[in-house]
């Protein structure tokens, strides 16, 4: 989400900016600090939505697709991290890593609600090869994730799919990565080791405290493919089933 003006929210979906008009009948729900499960959302308000949030919108699109009259908006604030673990404190339930994008050391809390998964080496290598091969072929694919977490499920008719942003095949591979999460082996914080590469989606509450929603290990090939910055593949904050006209807006 890029801006709020009056009762209109402007979101990014692919390369497009879409105006989301709200009114007195629009329903708002908000994700909490440590879950992207739809059942854990709470009733929200338009005032809670801030620039940088991820949104899912259900409503009626205009003919040109540039405006949506919103029936329901689900919003949340999440942060994507990727890098190498510098320390693991299993007793305290925290991990520390150096984030590739910011080059800063970040401490993230891991709770009982955090979803920890391990990506098998052959799967990580295959995802990177697929991303590179498709990019070389020039096949683009928008509607990609903006960063994410586990795969919650929402009732039919609720906001659906993944938040979108400008992206190519690398981002699309990230969508596949998000969809694979439920089928990957689970981990505990005690299984983690300093020196391991991880990708994390953490709740971003606006202060210095970050809580892992999803933590994925076994991502060395993915990070090695983008050694100077954020990996092209990212995890979607949510991946929900549902219907209706919808759009996603990151950030």
Protein backbone atom coordinates (compact mmCIF):
# COMPACT_ATOMS: atom_id res chain seq x y z
CA UNK A 1 0.00 0.00 0.00
CA UNK A 2 1.50 3.32 -1.04
CA UNK A 3 -0.88 6.01 0.23
CA UNK A 4 -4.13 6.81 2.03
CA UNK A 5 -6.07 9.94 1.15
CA UNK A 6 -9.46 10.47 2.71
CA UNK A 7 -11.45 7.30 2.05
CA UNK A 8 -9.24 6.15 -0.85
CA UNK A 9 -6.29 3.78 -0.52
CA UNK A 10 -3.75 3.59 -3.34
CA UNK A 11 -2.09 0.21 -3.79
CA UNK A 12 0.51 -1.26 -6.14
CA UNK A 13 -0.41 -4.33 -8.18
CA UNK A 14 2.28 -5.20 -10.66
CA UNK A 15 3.41 -1.95 -12.25
CA UNK A 16 -0.04 -0.41 -11.80
CA UNK A 17 -1.34 1.94 -9.14
CA UNK A 18 -4.92 1.08 -8.22
CA UNK A 19 -7.29 3.35 -6.30
CA UNK A 20 -9.34 1.48 -3.70
CA UNK A 21 -12.45 3.42 -2.73
CA UNK A 22 -13.95 2.66 0.68
CA UNK A 23 -17.31 3.65 2.11
CA UNK A 24 -19.51 3.11 5.13
CA UNK A 25 -20.20 -0.52 4.19
CA UNK A 26 -16.58 -1.57 3.62
CA UNK A 27 -15.43 -4.21 6.12
CA UNK A 28 -11.89 -3.98 7.52
CA UNK A 29 -9.87 -6.74 9.15
CA UNK A 30 -6.30 -6.58 10.46
CA UNK A 31 -3.62 -9.22 10.95
CA UNK A 32 -1.98 -9.38 14.36
CA UNK A 33 1.68 -9.37 15.29
CA UNK A 34 2.43 -13.08 14.96
CA UNK A 35 -0.06 -14.72 12.61
CA UNK A 36 -1.26 -14.58 9.02
CA UNK A 37 -4.12 -16.96 9.67
CA UNK A 38 -7.40 -15.42 8.62
CA UNK A 39 -9.11 -16.73 11.75
CA UNK A 40 -6.65 -14.71 13.83
CA UNK A 41 -7.53 -11.40 12.19
CA UNK A 42 -9.46 -8.82 14.15
CA UNK A 43 -11.95 -6.16 13.04
CA UNK A 44 -10.06 -3.12 11.89
CA UNK A 45 -10.51 0.41 10.61
CA UNK A 46 -9.29 2.48 7.70
CA UNK A 47 -7.18 4.54 10.11
CA UNK A 48 -5.05 1.47 10.94
CA UNK A 49 -3.81 1.16 7.37
CA UNK A 50 -0.41 2.77 6.87
CA UNK A 51 1.96 3.21 3.94
CA UNK A 52 4.06 0.06 3.71
CA UNK A 53 1.26 -2.33 4.67
CA UNK A 54 0.26 -5.38 2.63
CA UNK A 55 -3.39 -5.49 1.61
CA UNK A 56 -5.88 -7.87 0.09
CA UNK A 57 -8.97 -6.23 -1.36
CA UNK A 58 -12.29 -7.76 -2.42
CA UNK A 59 -14.75 -5.63 -4.31
CA UNK A 60 -15.95 -4.40 -7.69
CA UNK A 61 -13.41 -3.31 -10.28
CA UNK A 62 -13.96 -0.52 -12.76
CA UNK A 63 -13.88 -1.42 -16.47
CA UNK A 64 -10.29 -0.22 -16.83
CA UNK A 65 -9.22 -2.04 -13.68
CA UNK A 66 -7.74 1.08 -12.14
CA UNK A 67 -10.35 1.51 -9.40
CA UNK A 68 -11.95 -0.92 -6.97
CA UNK A 69 -14.96 -0.20 -4.79
CA UNK A 70 -13.99 -2.21 -1.74
CA UNK A 71 -16.35 -4.58 0.02
CA UNK A 72 -13.63 -5.96 2.31
CA UNK A 73 -9.99 -5.15 3.05
CA UNK A 74 -7.60 -7.31 5.03
CA UNK A 75 -4.36 -5.55 5.97
CA UNK A 76 -1.16 -6.33 7.80
CA UNK A 77 2.39 -5.11 8.25
CA UNK A 78 5.23 -7.54 7.54
CA UNK A 79 8.96 -7.32 6.94
CA UNK A 80 11.08 -9.54 4.67
CA UNK A 81 14.56 -10.55 5.84
CA UNK A 82 17.16 -12.77 4.20
CA UNK A 83 20.70 -13.55 5.28
CA UNK A 84 22.97 -15.75 7.37
CA UNK A 85 22.28 -16.51 11.01
CA UNK A 86 24.97 -15.07 13.24
CA UNK A 87 23.56 -16.54 16.47
CA UNK A 88 20.73 -18.72 17.75
CA UNK A 89 19.42 -18.54 21.32
CA UNK A 90 17.02 -21.45 21.67
CA UNK A 91 16.29 -20.82 25.35
CA UNK A 92 15.34 -17.20 24.69
CA UNK A 93 13.60 -18.04 21.43
CA UNK A 94 15.56 -15.57 19.29
CA UNK A 95 17.75 -15.64 16.20
CA UNK A 96 20.10 -12.97 14.91
CA UNK A 97 21.07 -12.52 11.29
CA UNK A 98 22.75 -10.02 8.99
CA UNK A 99 20.10 -8.90 6.52
CA UNK A 100 21.33 -8.87 2.92
CA UNK A 101 19.22 -5.88 1.90
CA UNK A 102 20.11 -3.49 4.71
CA UNK A 103 23.47 -4.99 5.77
CA UNK A 104 22.25 -4.58 9.36
CA UNK A 105 22.21 -7.15 12.14
CA UNK A 106 18.63 -7.95 13.16
CA UNK A 107 17.28 -9.96 16.09
CA UNK A 108 13.98 -11.78 15.53
CA UNK A 109 11.85 -13.53 18.14
CA UNK A 110 10.67 -17.06 17.32
CA UNK A 111 7.47 -18.06 19.12
CA UNK A 112 5.18 -21.08 19.23
CA UNK A 113 3.15 -19.44 16.45
CA UNK A 114 6.17 -19.08 14.15
CA UNK A 115 6.23 -21.48 11.20
CA UNK A 116 9.73 -22.93 10.71
CA UNK A 117 10.38 -25.01 7.59
CA UNK A 118 13.40 -26.48 5.79
CA UNK A 119 13.77 -26.38 2.00
CA UNK A 120 15.49 -29.52 0.64
CA UNK A 121 18.72 -28.70 -1.30
CA UNK A 122 17.52 -30.18 -4.58
CA UNK A 123 14.31 -28.16 -4.43
CA UNK A 124 16.17 -24.90 -3.76
CA UNK A 125 18.53 -25.58 -6.67
CA UNK A 126 15.63 -26.39 -8.96
CA UNK A 127 13.80 -23.17 -8.07
CA UNK A 128 16.89 -21.08 -8.84
CA UNK A 129 17.45 -22.86 -12.16
CA UNK A 130 13.82 -22.39 -13.12
CA UNK A 131 13.95 -18.71 -12.27
CA UNK A 132 17.13 -18.12 -14.27
CA UNK A 133 15.94 -20.15 -17.23
CA UNK A 134 12.62 -18.37 -17.47
CA UNK A 135 14.29 -14.98 -17.11
CA UNK A 136 16.71 -15.84 -19.91
CA UNK A 137 13.73 -16.74 -22.08
CA UNK A 138 12.17 -13.34 -21.41
CA UNK A 139 8.95 -14.71 -19.94
CA UNK A 140 7.54 -12.23 -17.45
CA UNK A 141 4.95 -12.91 -14.82
CA UNK A 142 3.42 -10.22 -12.66
CA UNK A 143 1.16 -10.57 -9.68
CA UNK A 144 4.07 -11.78 -7.60
CA UNK A 145 4.43 -11.85 -3.85
CA UNK A 146 5.66 -8.99 -1.81
CA UNK A 147 7.02 -11.12 0.92
CA UNK A 148 5.33 -13.52 3.26
CA UNK A 149 4.73 -16.38 5.48
CA UNK A 150 2.88 -19.61 5.96
CA UNK A 151 -0.23 -20.59 4.04
CA UNK A 152 -3.34 -19.66 5.96
CA UNK A 153 -6.73 -20.41 4.51
CA UNK A 154 -9.66 -18.05 4.49
CA UNK A 155 -13.34 -18.82 3.93
CA UNK A 156 -14.68 -18.47 0.41
CA UNK A 157 -15.42 -14.89 -0.52
CA UNK A 158 -12.68 -13.39 1.65
CA UNK A 159 -9.70 -11.49 0.23
CA UNK A 160 -7.54 -13.96 -1.61
CA UNK A 161 -4.28 -14.89 -3.26
CA UNK A 162 -0.97 -13.12 -2.75
CA UNK A 163 -0.07 -9.46 -2.56
CA UNK A 164 1.38 -8.28 -5.83
CA UNK A 165 4.18 -6.01 -6.86
CA UNK A 166 6.26 -5.36 -9.90
CA UNK A 167 8.10 -8.54 -10.66
CA UNK A 168 9.31 -11.04 -13.21
CA UNK A 169 9.89 -14.74 -13.22
CA UNK A 170 12.06 -14.66 -10.12
CA UNK A 171 9.13 -13.27 -8.17
CA UNK A 172 6.82 -15.85 -9.72
CA UNK A 173 9.15 -18.59 -8.50
CA UNK A 174 8.80 -16.96 -5.09
CA UNK A 175 5.07 -17.52 -5.39
CA UNK A 176 5.75 -21.21 -5.97
CA UNK A 177 8.03 -21.17 -2.94
CA UNK A 178 5.27 -19.75 -0.76
CA UNK A 179 2.82 -22.38 -1.96
CA UNK A 180 5.28 -25.17 -1.13
CA UNK A 181 5.63 -24.21 2.52
CA UNK A 182 2.90 -26.44 3.93
CA UNK A 183 4.58 -29.49 2.39
CA UNK A 184 8.11 -28.82 3.69
CA UNK A 185 9.65 -30.48 6.77
CA UNK A 186 9.15 -28.50 9.97
CA UNK A 187 11.96 -27.22 12.19
CA UNK A 188 12.33 -25.88 15.71
CA UNK A 189 14.53 -23.03 16.87
CA UNK A 190 16.77 -25.65 18.52
CA UNK A 191 17.41 -27.15 15.06
CA UNK A 192 18.85 -23.89 13.75
CA UNK A 193 22.60 -23.27 13.62
CA UNK A 194 24.73 -20.16 13.25
CA UNK A 195 25.99 -19.90 9.68
CA UNK A 196 22.78 -21.18 8.10
CA UNK A 197 21.11 -19.08 5.42
CA UNK A 198 17.50 -18.17 6.16
CA UNK A 199 14.59 -16.25 4.70
CA UNK A 200 12.20 -14.75 7.26
CA UNK A 201 8.88 -13.00 7.14
CA UNK A 202 8.43 -11.11 10.41
CA UNK A 203 5.64 -9.03 11.84
CA UNK A 204 6.52 -5.37 11.60
CA UNK A 205 4.81 -3.53 14.44
CA UNK A 206 6.56 -0.21 13.85
CA UNK A 207 9.02 -0.56 16.71
CA UNK A 208 12.30 -2.46 17.03
CA UNK A 209 10.62 -5.76 17.96
CA UNK A 210 10.26 -8.28 15.14
CA UNK A 211 8.52 -11.65 15.49
CA UNK A 212 8.99 -14.41 12.92
CA UNK A 213 5.80 -15.49 11.18
CA UNK A 214 7.69 -17.77 8.79
CA UNK A 215 11.35 -18.81 8.88
CA UNK A 216 12.72 -20.89 6.01
CA UNK A 217 16.12 -22.60 6.08
CA UNK A 218 17.96 -24.46 3.31
CA UNK A 219 17.91 -21.37 1.10
CA UNK A 220 21.66 -21.10 0.43
CA UNK A 221 21.26 -21.54 -3.37
CA UNK A 222 18.59 -18.81 -3.46
CA UNK A 223 20.70 -16.30 -1.54
CA UNK A 224 23.86 -17.23 -3.47
CA UNK A 225 22.03 -16.30 -6.68
CA UNK A 226 21.68 -12.71 -5.38
CA UNK A 227 24.81 -12.14 -3.27
CA UNK A 228 24.70 -8.35 -3.41
CA UNK A 229 21.14 -7.75 -2.28
CA UNK A 230 17.70 -9.16 -1.56
CA UNK A 231 16.89 -12.49 -3.23
CA UNK A 232 14.59 -12.32 -6.23
CA UNK A 233 12.44 -15.05 -4.73
CA UNK A 234 10.44 -14.06 -1.67
CA UNK A 235 7.74 -15.55 0.50
CA UNK A 236 4.19 -14.25 0.38
CA UNK A 237 2.80 -12.97 3.68
CA UNK A 238 -0.36 -14.93 3.06
CA UNK A 239 -1.80 -17.26 0.47
CA UNK A 240 -5.53 -17.50 0.93
CA UNK A 241 -8.29 -19.10 -1.10
CA UNK A 242 -11.38 -17.18 -2.05
CA UNK A 243 -13.28 -15.41 -4.77
CA UNK A 244 -14.44 -12.06 -6.00
CA UNK A 245 -12.61 -9.24 -7.71
CA UNK A 246 -9.46 -8.61 -5.76
CA UNK A 247 -6.11 -6.92 -5.86
CA UNK A 248 -2.98 -6.99 -3.79
CA UNK A 249 -0.95 -4.07 -2.57
CA UNK A 250 2.39 -4.32 -0.88
CA UNK A 251 4.34 -2.04 1.19
